[in-house]
Amino acid sequence: MRITIAKKDEVTEGEKMMFAVGEKRLALFNVGGEFYCIGDICSHDDGPVAEGECEGYEIECPRHGAKFDLRDGSVLSFPAIRGIPSYPVEIVGDEITIEVE
């Protein structure tokens, strides 16, 4: 199912936006004018990974320092050993949409 989550001007370059879709906690990031959406839950301890710091395409979980790639949710460093969900983003006019199950 494809849903609209924001307008492009609501998440400026270098910014993020956290939101929920049903039971899922998600986060949208604008990196260099490109948008990426991940699950806002660290695979190490279920913490809110999106509250961490971003550098380029990396997000660091604020609890224990696990790092993930915003582009696909893959794990980049311990203590996490599994990636986190990522959701395909599509721009339709000025709206940001994602594909969720």
PDB file of N, CA and C in Angstrom:
ATOM      1  N   MET A   1       0.845  -1.172   0.000  1.00  0.00           N
ATOM      2  CA  MET A   1       0.000   0.000   0.000  1.00  0.00           C
ATOM      3  C   MET A   1       0.894   1.241   0.000  1.00  0.00           C
ATOM      4  N   ARG A   2       0.650   2.161  -0.888  1.00  0.00           N
ATOM      5  CA  ARG A   2       1.414   3.409  -0.963  1.00  0.00           C
ATOM      6  C   ARG A   2       0.632   4.500  -0.252  1.00  0.00           C
ATOM      7  N   ILE A   3       1.319   5.216   0.661  1.00  0.00           N
ATOM      8  CA  ILE A   3       0.666   6.293   1.410  1.00  0.00           C
ATOM      9  C   ILE A   3       1.497   7.569   1.338  1.00  0.00           C
ATOM     10  N   THR A   4       0.830   8.705   1.453  1.00  0.00           N
ATOM     11  CA  THR A   4       1.503  10.004   1.512  1.00  0.00           C
ATOM     12  C   THR A   4       1.861  10.291   2.959  1.00  0.00           C
ATOM     13  N   ILE A   5       3.120  10.682   3.189  1.00  0.00           N
ATOM     14  CA  ILE A   5       3.558  10.937   4.559  1.00  0.00           C
ATOM     15  C   ILE A   5       3.927  12.392   4.817  1.00  0.00           C
ATOM     16  N   ALA A   6       4.224  13.152   3.773  1.00  0.00           N
ATOM     17  CA  ALA A   6       4.610  14.555   3.963  1.00  0.00           C
ATOM     18  C   ALA A   6       4.663  15.243   2.605  1.00  0.00           C
ATOM     19  N   LYS A   7       4.807  16.548   2.657  1.00  0.00           N
ATOM     20  CA  LYS A   7       5.098  17.339   1.461  1.00  0.00           C
ATOM     21  C   LYS A   7       6.608  17.593   1.452  1.00  0.00           C
ATOM     22  N   LYS A   8       7.179  17.734   0.261  1.00  0.00           N
ATOM     23  CA  LYS A   8       8.634  17.894   0.142  1.00  0.00           C
ATOM     24  C   LYS A   8       9.171  19.050   0.976  1.00  0.00           C
ATOM     25  N   ASP A   9       8.440  20.160   1.046  1.00  0.00           N
ATOM     26  CA  ASP A   9       8.949  21.322   1.779  1.00  0.00           C
ATOM     27  C   ASP A   9       8.846  21.176   3.296  1.00  0.00           C
ATOM     28  N   GLU A  10       8.252  20.092   3.781  1.00  0.00           N
ATOM     29  CA  GLU A  10       8.142  19.872   5.226  1.00  0.00           C
ATOM     30  C   GLU A  10       9.400  19.254   5.829  1.00  0.00           C
ATOM     31  N   VAL A  11      10.255  18.673   4.981  1.00  0.00           N
ATOM     32  CA  VAL A  11      11.490  18.049   5.459  1.00  0.00           C
ATOM     33  C   VAL A  11      12.630  18.608   4.616  1.00  0.00           C
ATOM     34  N   THR A  12      13.246  19.673   5.115  1.00  0.00           N
ATOM     35  CA  THR A  12      14.302  20.344   4.364  1.00  0.00           C
ATOM     36  C   THR A  12      15.597  19.530   4.406  1.00  0.00           C
ATOM     37  N   GLU A  13      16.528  19.883   3.528  1.00  0.00           N
ATOM     38  CA  GLU A  13      17.786  19.149   3.436  1.00  0.00           C
ATOM     39  C   GLU A  13      18.486  19.082   4.793  1.00  0.00           C
ATOM     40  N   GLY A  14      18.903  17.879   5.165  1.00  0.00           N
ATOM     41  CA  GLY A  14      19.576  17.659   6.442  1.00  0.00           C
ATOM     42  C   GLY A  14      18.637  17.432   7.607  1.00  0.00           C
ATOM     43  N   GLU A  15      17.340  17.488   7.368  1.00  0.00           N
ATOM     44  CA  GLU A  15      16.352  17.320   8.441  1.00  0.00           C
ATOM     45  C   GLU A  15      15.746  15.922   8.405  1.00  0.00           C
ATOM     46  N   LYS A  16      15.024  15.598   9.488  1.00  0.00           N
ATOM     47  CA  LYS A  16      14.307  14.335   9.585  1.00  0.00           C
ATOM     48  C   LYS A  16      12.941  14.579  10.198  1.00  0.00           C
ATOM     49  N   MET A  17      12.057  13.623   9.998  1.00  0.00           N
ATOM     50  CA  MET A  17      10.708  13.703  10.552  1.00  0.00           C
ATOM     51  C   MET A  17      10.321  12.302  11.020  1.00  0.00           C
ATOM     52  N   MET A  18       9.883  12.192  12.268  1.00  0.00           N
ATOM     53  CA  MET A  18       9.429  10.922  12.796  1.00  0.00           C
ATOM     54  C   MET A  18       7.903  10.895  12.777  1.00  0.00           C
ATOM     55  N   PHE A  19       7.339   9.710  12.539  1.00  0.00           N
ATOM     56  CA  PHE A  19       5.886   9.569  12.478  1.00  0.00           C
ATOM     57  C   PHE A  19       5.531   8.097  12.658  1.00  0.00           C
ATOM     58  N   ALA A  20       4.239   7.817  12.761  1.00  0.00           N
ATOM     59  CA  ALA A  20       3.762   6.438  12.901  1.00  0.00           C
ATOM     60  C   ALA A  20       2.768   6.130  11.797  1.00  0.00           C
ATOM     61  N   VAL A  21       2.818   4.895  11.333  1.00  0.00           N
ATOM     62  CA  VAL A  21       1.822   4.368  10.405  1.00  0.00           C
ATOM     63  C   VAL A  21       1.286   3.113  11.083  1.00  0.00           C
ATOM     64  N   GLY A  22       0.094   3.224  11.645  1.00  0.00           N
ATOM     65  CA  GLY A  22      -0.430   2.121  12.444  1.00  0.00           C
ATOM     66  C   GLY A  22       0.481   1.891  13.632  1.00  0.00           C
ATOM     67  N   GLU A  23       0.968   0.669  13.775  1.00  0.00           N
ATOM     68  CA  GLU A  23       1.864   0.304  14.883  1.00  0.00           C
ATOM     69  C   GLU A  23       3.337   0.578  14.562  1.00  0.00           C
ATOM     70  N   LYS A  24       3.644   0.921  13.325  1.00  0.00           N
ATOM     71  CA  LYS A  24       5.035   1.104  12.901  1.00  0.00           C
ATOM     72  C   LYS A  24       5.518   2.515  13.191  1.00  0.00           C
ATOM     73  N   ARG A  25       6.680   2.606  13.868  1.00  0.00           N
ATOM     74  CA  ARG A  25       7.364   3.884  14.046  1.00  0.00           C
ATOM     75  C   ARG A  25       8.344   4.029  12.893  1.00  0.00           C
ATOM     76  N   LEU A  26       8.235   5.146  12.165  1.00  0.00           N
ATOM     77  CA  LEU A  26       9.067   5.373  10.987  1.00  0.00           C
ATOM     78  C   LEU A  26       9.754   6.724  11.071  1.00  0.00           C
ATOM     79  N   ALA A  27      10.789   6.898  10.251  1.00  0.00           N
ATOM     80  CA  ALA A  27      11.487   8.175  10.178  1.00  0.00           C
ATOM     81  C   ALA A  27      11.859   8.453   8.727  1.00  0.00           C
ATOM     82  N   LEU A  28      11.652   9.692   8.328  1.00  0.00           N
ATOM     83  CA  LEU A  28      11.956  10.155   6.978  1.00  0.00           C
ATOM     84  C   LEU A  28      13.132  11.117   7.057  1.00  0.00           C
ATOM     85  N   PHE A  29      14.115  10.953   6.176  1.00  0.00           N
ATOM     86  CA  PHE A  29      15.319  11.777   6.159  1.00  0.00           C
ATOM     87  C   PHE A  29      15.491  12.410   4.791  1.00  0.00           C
ATOM     88  N   ASN A  30      15.981  13.650   4.770  1.00  0.00           N
ATOM     89  CA  ASN A  30      16.340  14.332   3.532  1.00  0.00           C
ATOM     90  C   ASN A  30      17.861  14.474   3.534  1.00  0.00           C
ATOM     91  N   VAL A  31      18.518  13.720   2.662  1.00  0.00           N
ATOM     92  CA  VAL A  31      19.979  13.759   2.550  1.00  0.00           C
ATOM     93  C   VAL A  31      20.313  14.238   1.146  1.00  0.00           C
ATOM     94  N   GLY A  32      20.813  15.444   1.053  1.00  0.00           N
ATOM     95  CA  GLY A  32      21.199  15.994  -0.241  1.00  0.00           C
ATOM     96  C   GLY A  32      20.045  16.109  -1.222  1.00  0.00           C
ATOM     97  N   GLY A  33      18.850  16.339  -0.698  1.00  0.00           N
ATOM     98  CA  GLY A  33      17.680  16.475  -1.553  1.00  0.00           C
ATOM     99  C   GLY A  33      17.011  15.159  -1.917  1.00  0.00           C
ATOM    100  N   GLU A  34      17.577  14.042  -1.459  1.00  0.00           N
ATOM    101  CA  GLU A  34      16.978  12.721  -1.662  1.00  0.00           C
ATOM    102  C   GLU A  34      16.328  12.283  -0.351  1.00  0.00           C
ATOM    103  N   PHE A  35      15.210  11.579  -0.453  1.00  0.00           N
ATOM    104  CA  PHE A  35      14.458  11.170   0.732  1.00  0.00           C
ATOM    105  C   PHE A  35      14.599   9.674   0.974  1.00  0.00           C
ATOM    106  N   TYR A  36      14.760   9.313   2.263  1.00  0.00           N
ATOM    107  CA  TYR A  36      14.908   7.925   2.684  1.00  0.00           C
ATOM    108  C   TYR A  36      14.028   7.704   3.903  1.00  0.00           C
ATOM    109  N   CYS A  37      13.397   6.535   3.967  1.00  0.00           N
ATOM    110  CA  CYS A  37      12.512   6.217   5.082  1.00  0.00           C
ATOM    111  C   CYS A  37      12.933   4.876   5.687  1.00  0.00           C
ATOM    112  N   ILE A  38      13.106   4.872   7.019  1.00  0.00           N
ATOM    113  CA  ILE A  38      13.484   3.656   7.739  1.00  0.00           C
ATOM    114  C   ILE A  38      12.542   3.451   8.916  1.00  0.00           C
ATOM    115  N   GLY A  39      12.559   2.225   9.423  1.00  0.00           N
ATOM    116  CA  GLY A  39      11.864   1.947  10.670  1.00  0.00           C
ATOM    117  C   GLY A  39      12.617   2.598  11.813  1.00  0.00           C
ATOM    118  N   ASP A  40      11.904   3.278  12.691  1.00  0.00           N
ATOM    119  CA  ASP A  40      12.535   3.985  13.815  1.00  0.00           C
ATOM    120  C   ASP A  40      12.648   3.050  15.010  1.00  0.00           C
ATOM    121  N   ILE A  41      13.374   1.956  14.804  1.00  0.00           N
ATOM    122  CA  ILE A  41      13.539   0.980  15.874  1.00  0.00           C
ATOM    123  C   ILE A  41      14.869   0.252  15.663  1.00  0.00           C
ATOM    124  N   CYS A  42      15.756   0.397  16.616  1.00  0.00           N
ATOM    125  CA  CYS A  42      17.076  -0.221  16.521  1.00  0.00           C
ATOM    126  C   CYS A  42      16.937  -1.736  16.635  1.00  0.00           C
ATOM    127  N   SER A  43      17.605  -2.472  15.767  1.00  0.00           N
ATOM    128  CA  SER A  43      17.532  -3.932  15.811  1.00  0.00           C
ATOM    129  C   SER A  43      18.308  -4.512  16.991  1.00  0.00           C
ATOM    130  N   HIS A  44      19.101  -3.697  17.664  1.00  0.00           N
ATOM    131  CA  HIS A  44      19.855  -4.167  18.824  1.00  0.00           C
ATOM    132  C   HIS A  44      19.000  -4.206  20.079  1.00  0.00           C
ATOM    133  N   ASP A  45      18.260  -3.111  20.358  1.00  0.00           N
ATOM    134  CA  ASP A  45      17.475  -3.094  21.604  1.00  0.00           C
ATOM    135  C   ASP A  45      16.119  -2.404  21.473  1.00  0.00           C
ATOM    136  N   ASP A  46      15.641  -2.248  20.247  1.00  0.00           N
ATOM    137  CA  ASP A  46      14.322  -1.649  19.980  1.00  0.00           C
ATOM    138  C   ASP A  46      14.231  -0.171  20.341  1.00  0.00           C
ATOM    139  N   GLY A  47      15.354   0.501  20.509  1.00  0.00           N
ATOM    140  CA  GLY A  47      15.347   1.932  20.818  1.00  0.00           C
ATOM    141  C   GLY A  47      15.025   2.779  19.596  1.00  0.00           C
ATOM    142  N   PRO A  48      14.741   4.060  19.823  1.00  0.00           N
ATOM    143  CA  PRO A  48      14.387   4.991  18.738  1.00  0.00           C
ATOM    144  C   PRO A  48      15.625   5.475  17.978  1.00  0.00           C
ATOM    145  N   VAL A  49      16.026   4.738  16.970  1.00  0.00           N
ATOM    146  CA  VAL A  49      17.260   5.023  16.240  1.00  0.00           C
ATOM    147  C   VAL A  49      17.258   6.417  15.612  1.00  0.00           C
ATOM    148  N   ALA A  50      16.106   6.915  15.206  1.00  0.00           N
ATOM    149  CA  ALA A  50      16.040   8.214  14.521  1.00  0.00           C
ATOM    150  C   ALA A  50      16.367   9.391  15.427  1.00  0.00           C
ATOM    151  N   GLU A  51      16.420   9.170  16.733  1.00  0.00           N
ATOM    152  CA  GLU A  51      16.829  10.245  17.641  1.00  0.00           C
ATOM    153  C   GLU A  51      18.341  10.440  17.628  1.00  0.00           C
ATOM    154  N   GLY A  52      19.054   9.562  16.931  1.00  0.00           N
ATOM    155  CA  GLY A  52      20.506   9.648  16.861  1.00  0.00           C
ATOM    156  C   GLY A  52      20.982  10.667  15.848  1.00  0.00           C
ATOM    157  N   GLU A  53      22.295  10.771  15.747  1.00  0.00           N
ATOM    158  CA  GLU A  53      22.931  11.716  14.832  1.00  0.00           C
ATOM    159  C   GLU A  53      23.144  11.082  13.462  1.00  0.00           C
ATOM    160  N   CYS A  54      22.975  11.907  12.427  1.00  0.00           N
ATOM    161  CA  CYS A  54      23.214  11.473  11.045  1.00  0.00           C
ATOM    162  C   CYS A  54      24.499  12.096  10.534  1.00  0.00           C
ATOM    163  N   GLU A  55      25.225  11.312   9.752  1.00  0.00           N
ATOM    164  CA  GLU A  55      26.378  11.828   9.019  1.00  0.00           C
ATOM    165  C   GLU A  55      26.333  11.178   7.646  1.00  0.00           C
ATOM    166  N   GLY A  56      26.067  11.970   6.639  1.00  0.00           N
ATOM    167  CA  GLY A  56      25.884  11.412   5.299  1.00  0.00           C
ATOM    168  C   GLY A  56      24.689  10.482   5.294  1.00  0.00           C
ATOM    169  N   TYR A  57      24.928   9.246   4.885  1.00  0.00           N
ATOM    170  CA  TYR A  57      23.852   8.251   4.825  1.00  0.00           C
ATOM    171  C   TYR A  57      23.807   7.367   6.066  1.00  0.00           C
ATOM    172  N   GLU A  58      24.578   7.705   7.103  1.00  0.00           N
ATOM    173  CA  GLU A  58      24.625   6.892   8.314  1.00  0.00           C
ATOM    174  C   GLU A  58      23.830   7.534   9.437  1.00  0.00           C
ATOM    175  N   ILE A  59      23.092   6.686  10.165  1.00  0.00           N
ATOM    176  CA  ILE A  59      22.421   7.126  11.390  1.00  0.00           C
ATOM    177  C   ILE A  59      22.991   6.283  12.526  1.00  0.00           C
ATOM    178  N   GLU A  60      23.303   6.935  13.647  1.00  0.00           N
ATOM    179  CA  GLU A  60      23.847   6.239  14.807  1.00  0.00           C
ATOM    180  C   GLU A  60      22.802   6.213  15.909  1.00  0.00           C
ATOM    181  N   CYS A  61      22.479   5.014  16.387  1.00  0.00           N
ATOM    182  CA  CYS A  61      21.512   4.878  17.474  1.00  0.00           C
ATOM    183  C   CYS A  61      22.061   5.571  18.720  1.00  0.00           C
ATOM    184  N   PRO A  62      21.253   6.409  19.373  1.00  0.00           N
ATOM    185  CA  PRO A  62      21.747   7.145  20.528  1.00  0.00           C
ATOM    186  C   PRO A  62      21.967   6.280  21.770  1.00  0.00           C
ATOM    187  N   ARG A  63      21.435   5.081  21.798  1.00  0.00           N
ATOM    188  CA  ARG A  63      21.568   4.249  23.003  1.00  0.00           C
ATOM    189  C   ARG A  63      22.924   3.561  23.106  1.00  0.00           C
ATOM    190  N   HIS A  64      23.320   2.818  22.076  1.00  0.00           N
ATOM    191  CA  HIS A  64      24.550   2.032  22.167  1.00  0.00           C
ATOM    192  C   HIS A  64      25.482   2.202  20.977  1.00  0.00           C
ATOM    193  N   GLY A  65      25.147   3.120  20.059  1.00  0.00           N
ATOM    194  CA  GLY A  65      26.068   3.455  18.983  1.00  0.00           C
ATOM    195  C   GLY A  65      26.017   2.597  17.733  1.00  0.00           C
ATOM    196  N   ALA A  66      25.037   1.697  17.631  1.00  0.00           N
ATOM    197  CA  ALA A  66      24.910   0.924  16.385  1.00  0.00           C
ATOM    198  C   ALA A  66      24.652   1.890  15.235  1.00  0.00           C
ATOM    199  N   LYS A  67      25.204   1.587  14.067  1.00  0.00           N
ATOM    200  CA  LYS A  67      25.018   2.459  12.903  1.00  0.00           C
ATOM    201  C   LYS A  67      24.312   1.699  11.785  1.00  0.00           C
ATOM    202  N   PHE A  68      23.461   2.452  11.051  1.00  0.00           N
ATOM    203  CA  PHE A  68      22.678   1.887   9.964  1.00  0.00           C
ATOM    204  C   PHE A  68      22.753   2.801   8.747  1.00  0.00           C
ATOM    205  N   ASP A  69      22.590   2.213   7.567  1.00  0.00           N
ATOM    206  CA  ASP A  69      22.577   2.960   6.313  1.00  0.00           C
ATOM    207  C   ASP A  69      21.147   3.407   6.030  1.00  0.00           C
ATOM    208  N   LEU A  70      20.938   4.713   5.871  1.00  0.00           N
ATOM    209  CA  LEU A  70      19.604   5.251   5.611  1.00  0.00           C
ATOM    210  C   LEU A  70      19.038   4.781   4.278  1.00  0.00           C
ATOM    211  N   ARG A  71      19.893   4.444   3.332  1.00  0.00           N
ATOM    212  CA  ARG A  71      19.429   4.084   1.997  1.00  0.00           C
ATOM    213  C   ARG A  71      18.725   2.735   1.948  1.00  0.00           C
ATOM    214  N   ASP A  72      19.154   1.799   2.801  1.00  0.00           N
ATOM    215  CA  ASP A  72      18.546   0.463   2.738  1.00  0.00           C
ATOM    216  C   ASP A  72      18.345  -0.195   4.100  1.00  0.00           C
ATOM    217  N   GLY A  73      18.699   0.501   5.182  1.00  0.00           N
ATOM    218  CA  GLY A  73      18.511  -0.044   6.523  1.00  0.00           C
ATOM    219  C   GLY A  73      19.564  -1.045   6.950  1.00  0.00           C
ATOM    220  N   SER A  74      20.575  -1.276   6.116  1.00  0.00           N
ATOM    221  CA  SER A  74      21.589  -2.276   6.468  1.00  0.00           C
ATOM    222  C   SER A  74      22.401  -1.824   7.674  1.00  0.00           C
ATOM    223  N   VAL A  75      22.854  -2.809   8.445  1.00  0.00           N
ATOM    224  CA  VAL A  75      23.649  -2.522   9.631  1.00  0.00           C
ATOM    225  C   VAL A  75      25.084  -2.224   9.203  1.00  0.00           C
ATOM    226  N   LEU A  76      25.684  -1.204   9.834  1.00  0.00           N
ATOM    227  CA  LEU A  76      27.050  -0.798   9.513  1.00  0.00           C
ATOM    228  C   LEU A  76      28.017  -1.051  10.658  1.00  0.00           C
ATOM    229  N   SER A  77      27.501  -1.165  11.903  1.00  0.00           N
ATOM    230  CA  SER A  77      28.401  -1.413  13.029  1.00  0.00           C
ATOM    231  C   SER A  77      27.662  -2.054  14.196  1.00  0.00           C
ATOM    232  N   PHE A  78      28.449  -2.729  15.017  1.00  0.00           N
ATOM    233  CA  PHE A  78      27.934  -3.335  16.243  1.00  0.00           C
ATOM    234  C   PHE A  78      27.501  -2.249  17.217  1.00  0.00           C
ATOM    235  N   PRO A  79      26.673  -2.543  18.196  1.00  0.00           N
ATOM    236  CA  PRO A  79      26.294  -3.882  18.612  1.00  0.00           C
ATOM    237  C   PRO A  79      25.155  -4.512  17.807  1.00  0.00           C
ATOM    238  N   ALA A  80      24.544  -3.806  16.893  1.00  0.00           N
ATOM    239  CA  ALA A  80      23.490  -4.411  16.070  1.00  0.00           C
ATOM    240  C   ALA A  80      24.115  -5.412  15.102  1.00  0.00           C
ATOM    241  N   ILE A  81      23.390  -6.486  14.834  1.00  0.00           N
ATOM    242  CA  ILE A  81      23.862  -7.473  13.862  1.00  0.00           C
ATOM    243  C   ILE A  81      22.863  -7.660  12.719  1.00  0.00           C
ATOM    244  N   ARG A  82      21.677  -7.064  12.841  1.00  0.00           N
ATOM    245  CA  ARG A  82      20.661  -7.116  11.788  1.00  0.00           C
ATOM    246  C   ARG A  82      20.322  -5.706  11.343  1.00  0.00           C
ATOM    247  N   GLY A  83      19.939  -5.571  10.094  1.00  0.00           N
ATOM    248  CA  GLY A  83      19.490  -4.282   9.583  1.00  0.00           C
ATOM    249  C   GLY A  83      18.118  -3.916  10.130  1.00  0.00           C
ATOM    250  N   ILE A  84      17.653  -2.740   9.758  1.00  0.00           N
ATOM    251  CA  ILE A  84      16.326  -2.269  10.145  1.00  0.00           C
ATOM    252  C   ILE A  84      15.496  -2.091   8.873  1.00  0.00           C
ATOM    253  N   PRO A  85      14.175  -2.068   9.005  1.00  0.00           N
ATOM    254  CA  PRO A  85      13.338  -1.927   7.803  1.00  0.00           C
ATOM    255  C   PRO A  85      13.596  -0.612   7.073  1.00  0.00           C
ATOM    256  N   SER A  86      13.519  -0.674   5.759  1.00  0.00           N
ATOM    257  CA  SER A  86      13.536   0.546   4.955  1.00  0.00           C
ATOM    258  C   SER A  86      12.333   0.477   4.021  1.00  0.00           C
ATOM    259  N   TYR A  87      11.846   1.638   3.640  1.00  0.00           N
ATOM    260  CA  TYR A  87      10.612   1.729   2.870  1.00  0.00           C
ATOM    261  C   TYR A  87      10.862   2.555   1.616  1.00  0.00           C
ATOM    262  N   PRO A  88      10.498   2.017   0.446  1.00  0.00           N
ATOM    263  CA  PRO A  88      10.705   2.748  -0.806  1.00  0.00           C
ATOM    264  C   PRO A  88       9.962   4.085  -0.810  1.00  0.00           C
ATOM    265  N   VAL A  89      10.686   5.145  -1.138  1.00  0.00           N
ATOM    266  CA  VAL A  89      10.119   6.499  -1.194  1.00  0.00           C
ATOM    267  C   VAL A  89       9.908   6.876  -2.653  1.00  0.00           C
ATOM    268  N   GLU A  90       8.785   7.508  -2.916  1.00  0.00           N
ATOM    269  CA  GLU A  90       8.504   8.029  -4.255  1.00  0.00           C
ATOM    270  C   GLU A  90       7.936   9.433  -4.102  1.00  0.00           C
ATOM    271  N   ILE A  91       8.392  10.338  -4.951  1.00  0.00           N
ATOM    272  CA  ILE A  91       7.875  11.705  -4.959  1.00  0.00           C
ATOM    273  C   ILE A  91       6.802  11.787  -6.037  1.00  0.00           C
ATOM    274  N   VAL A  92       5.610  12.224  -5.633  1.00  0.00           N
ATOM    275  CA  VAL A  92       4.489  12.395  -6.560  1.00  0.00           C
ATOM    276  C   VAL A  92       4.077  13.860  -6.473  1.00  0.00           C
ATOM    277  N   GLY A  93       4.473  14.653  -7.476  1.00  0.00           N
ATOM    278  CA  GLY A  93       4.245  16.094  -7.401  1.00  0.00           C
ATOM    279  C   GLY A  93       5.074  16.665  -6.270  1.00  0.00           C
ATOM    280  N   ASP A  94       4.420  17.258  -5.269  1.00  0.00           N
ATOM    281  CA  ASP A  94       5.141  17.779  -4.104  1.00  0.00           C
ATOM    282  C   ASP A  94       4.946  16.894  -2.878  1.00  0.00           C
ATOM    283  N   GLU A  95       4.372  15.704  -3.066  1.00  0.00           N
ATOM    284  CA  GLU A  95       4.114  14.798  -1.948  1.00  0.00           C
ATOM    285  C   GLU A  95       5.148  13.677  -1.887  1.00  0.00           C
ATOM    286  N   ILE A  96       5.518  13.322  -0.657  1.00  0.00           N
ATOM    287  CA  ILE A  96       6.422  12.207  -0.410  1.00  0.00           C
ATOM    288  C   ILE A  96       5.557  11.013  -0.037  1.00  0.00           C
ATOM    289  N   THR A  97       5.716   9.925  -0.779  1.00  0.00           N
ATOM    290  CA  THR A  97       4.944   8.721  -0.498  1.00  0.00           C
ATOM    291  C   THR A  97       5.893   7.572  -0.198  1.00  0.00           C
ATOM    292  N   ILE A  98       5.396   6.602   0.584  1.00  0.00           N
ATOM    293  CA  ILE A  98       6.166   5.394   0.867  1.00  0.00           C
ATOM    294  C   ILE A  98       5.285   4.180   0.637  1.00  0.00           C
ATOM    295  N   GLU A  99       5.942   3.065   0.437  1.00  0.00           N
ATOM    296  CA  GLU A  99       5.258   1.784   0.284  1.00  0.00           C
ATOM    297  C   GLU A  99       5.366   1.037   1.608  1.00  0.00           C
ATOM    298  N   VAL A 100       4.222   0.724   2.224  1.00  0.00           N
ATOM    299  CA  VAL A 100       4.193  -0.047   3.469  1.00  0.00           C
ATOM    300  C   VAL A 100       3.245  -1.225   3.306  1.00  0.00           C
ATOM    301  N   GLU A 101       3.478  -2.252   4.095  1.00  0.00           N
ATOM    302  CA  GLU A 101       2.592  -3.424   4.067  1.00  0.00           C
ATOM    303  C   GLU A 101       1.487  -3.260   5.079  1.00  0.00           C
TER     304      GLU A 101
END
